[in-house]
Amino acid sequence: MTAKGTQGPARVIVSIFGGSDDIGRTPAVILLAEQTGRALAELGYVVANGGYGGTMEASARGAKQAGGRTIGVTCSIWKSRPNAYLDEVITTGSRPSGSRHCCNLVPAATWPCRAPTGR
């Protein structure tokens, strides 16, 4: 899928899945997410994520630092506010529908920001 409201050739969206929990807030993980968002934006990709804190905020911040476009797919059941680095917010009614929507934004999803659980 391509982002709406872009000028010139259509821009491809890449979804980054990550958390806002303790794993998603360690300095190393935050740095990785920010660098990933920045690199994707520098290559011309639109960065999409869950729209809240932790790795989601870091990847959006990195994309914005590189002049990129960002999309947050949030959920109406959460009381948290979307992060400040989003150009577009898409609100869904549940966490599963939000995850599906993030996956449906792109032909293939990337998963770089989550530590393995060993399961």
Protein backbone atom coordinates (compact mmCIF):
# COMPACT_ATOMS: atom_id res chain seq x y z
CA MET A 1 0.00 0.00 0.00
CA THR A 2 1.17 3.56 -0.50
CA ALA A 3 0.70 6.58 1.71
CA LYS A 4 -1.98 9.09 0.85
CA GLY A 5 -1.07 12.72 0.47
CA THR A 6 2.46 12.18 -0.85
CA GLN A 7 3.82 14.17 -3.73
CA GLY A 8 5.56 12.63 -6.72
CA PRO A 9 5.86 8.86 -6.97
CA ALA A 10 3.89 6.79 -4.48
CA ARG A 11 5.83 6.05 -1.28
CA VAL A 12 5.90 2.54 0.15
CA ILE A 13 4.93 2.04 3.80
CA VAL A 14 6.97 -0.13 6.18
CA SER A 15 5.35 -1.17 9.48
CA ILE A 16 7.60 -1.47 12.52
CA PHE A 17 6.25 -3.57 15.37
CA GLY A 18 7.60 -2.86 18.82
CA GLY A 19 6.50 -2.16 22.34
CA SER A 20 6.19 0.57 24.90
CA ASP A 21 6.88 -1.79 27.83
CA ASP A 22 10.19 -2.06 29.70
CA ILE A 23 11.86 -3.99 26.86
CA GLY A 24 10.75 -1.26 24.47
CA ARG A 25 12.27 1.46 26.64
CA THR A 26 15.86 0.27 27.13
CA PRO A 27 18.44 2.69 25.67
CA ALA A 28 19.78 0.11 23.19
CA VAL A 29 16.33 -0.78 21.87
CA ILE A 30 15.27 2.88 21.64
CA LEU A 31 18.45 3.68 19.71
CA LEU A 32 17.88 0.75 17.32
CA ALA A 33 14.27 1.81 16.70
CA GLU A 34 15.26 5.44 16.09
CA GLN A 35 18.06 4.44 13.71
CA THR A 36 15.72 2.07 11.87
CA GLY A 37 13.06 4.78 11.44
CA ARG A 38 15.69 7.27 10.27
CA ALA A 39 17.24 4.83 7.77
CA LEU A 40 13.86 3.89 6.32
CA ALA A 41 12.89 7.55 5.87
CA GLU A 42 16.23 8.33 4.25
CA LEU A 43 15.47 5.58 1.73
CA GLY A 44 12.08 7.16 1.01
CA TYR A 45 9.83 4.80 2.98
CA VAL A 46 6.87 5.90 5.09
CA VAL A 47 7.17 4.53 8.65
CA ALA A 48 4.02 3.08 10.29
CA ASN A 49 3.72 1.72 13.83
CA GLY A 50 1.33 1.49 16.78
CA GLY A 51 1.59 5.21 17.45
CA TYR A 52 2.41 5.25 21.17
CA GLY A 53 5.64 5.35 23.23
CA GLY A 54 8.80 3.23 23.43
CA THR A 55 10.01 1.79 20.14
CA MET A 56 6.95 3.18 18.35
CA GLU A 57 7.81 6.76 19.32
CA ALA A 58 11.52 6.23 18.69
CA SER A 59 11.03 4.89 15.16
CA ALA A 60 8.67 7.76 14.32
CA ARG A 61 11.10 10.31 15.81
CA GLY A 62 13.95 8.88 13.71
CA ALA A 63 11.82 9.06 10.57
CA LYS A 64 10.82 12.67 11.26
CA GLN A 65 14.48 13.64 11.93
CA ALA A 66 15.23 12.43 8.41
CA GLY A 67 12.28 14.38 6.95
CA GLY A 68 10.12 11.28 6.52
CA ARG A 69 6.40 10.68 6.82
CA THR A 70 4.88 8.66 9.68
CA ILE A 71 1.61 6.86 10.40
CA GLY A 72 0.39 5.63 13.79
CA VAL A 73 -2.29 2.94 14.03
CA THR A 74 -3.80 3.45 17.49
CA CYS A 75 -6.60 1.77 19.42
CA SER A 76 -9.65 3.52 20.88
CA ILE A 77 -9.60 1.34 24.01
CA TRP A 78 -6.24 2.76 25.20
CA LYS A 79 -6.23 6.01 27.18
CA SER A 80 -2.69 6.89 26.05
CA ARG A 81 -2.28 9.69 23.55
CA PRO A 82 -0.49 9.10 20.25
CA ASN A 83 3.12 10.29 20.16
CA ALA A 84 4.05 13.71 18.79
CA TYR A 85 5.98 12.39 15.76
CA LEU A 86 3.01 11.18 13.70
CA ASP A 87 1.77 12.79 10.50
CA GLU A 88 -1.33 10.61 10.34
CA VAL A 89 -3.23 8.70 13.04
CA ILE A 90 -5.54 5.82 12.16
CA THR A 91 -7.69 4.73 15.11
CA THR A 92 -9.06 1.19 15.32
CA GLY A 93 -11.47 -0.38 17.80
CA SER A 94 -9.26 -3.14 19.23
CA ARG A 95 -5.65 -4.21 19.53
CA PRO A 96 -6.01 -7.16 17.10
CA SER A 97 -7.67 -4.97 14.47
CA GLY A 98 -4.89 -2.40 14.91
CA SER A 99 -2.21 -5.04 14.36
CA ARG A 100 -4.06 -6.35 11.30
CA HIS A 101 -4.39 -2.81 9.96
CA CYS A 102 -0.63 -2.22 10.39
CA CYS A 103 0.07 -5.46 8.52
CA ASN A 104 -2.40 -4.55 5.77
CA LEU A 105 -0.66 -1.21 5.17
CA VAL A 106 2.32 -3.00 3.66
CA PRO A 107 3.04 -5.97 1.42
CA ALA A 108 5.48 -7.35 4.04
CA ALA A 109 6.00 -6.33 7.67
CA THR A 110 9.33 -5.91 9.44
CA TRP A 111 9.91 -6.93 13.04
CA PRO A 112 13.28 -5.45 14.16
CA CYS A 113 12.42 -3.88 17.48
CA ARG A 114 11.34 -6.75 19.72
CA ALA A 115 13.75 -8.83 21.81
CA PRO A 116 13.37 -12.61 21.36
CA THR A 117 11.46 -14.32 24.14
CA GLY A 118 12.84 -17.81 23.59
CA ARG A 119 9.34 -19.24 23.04
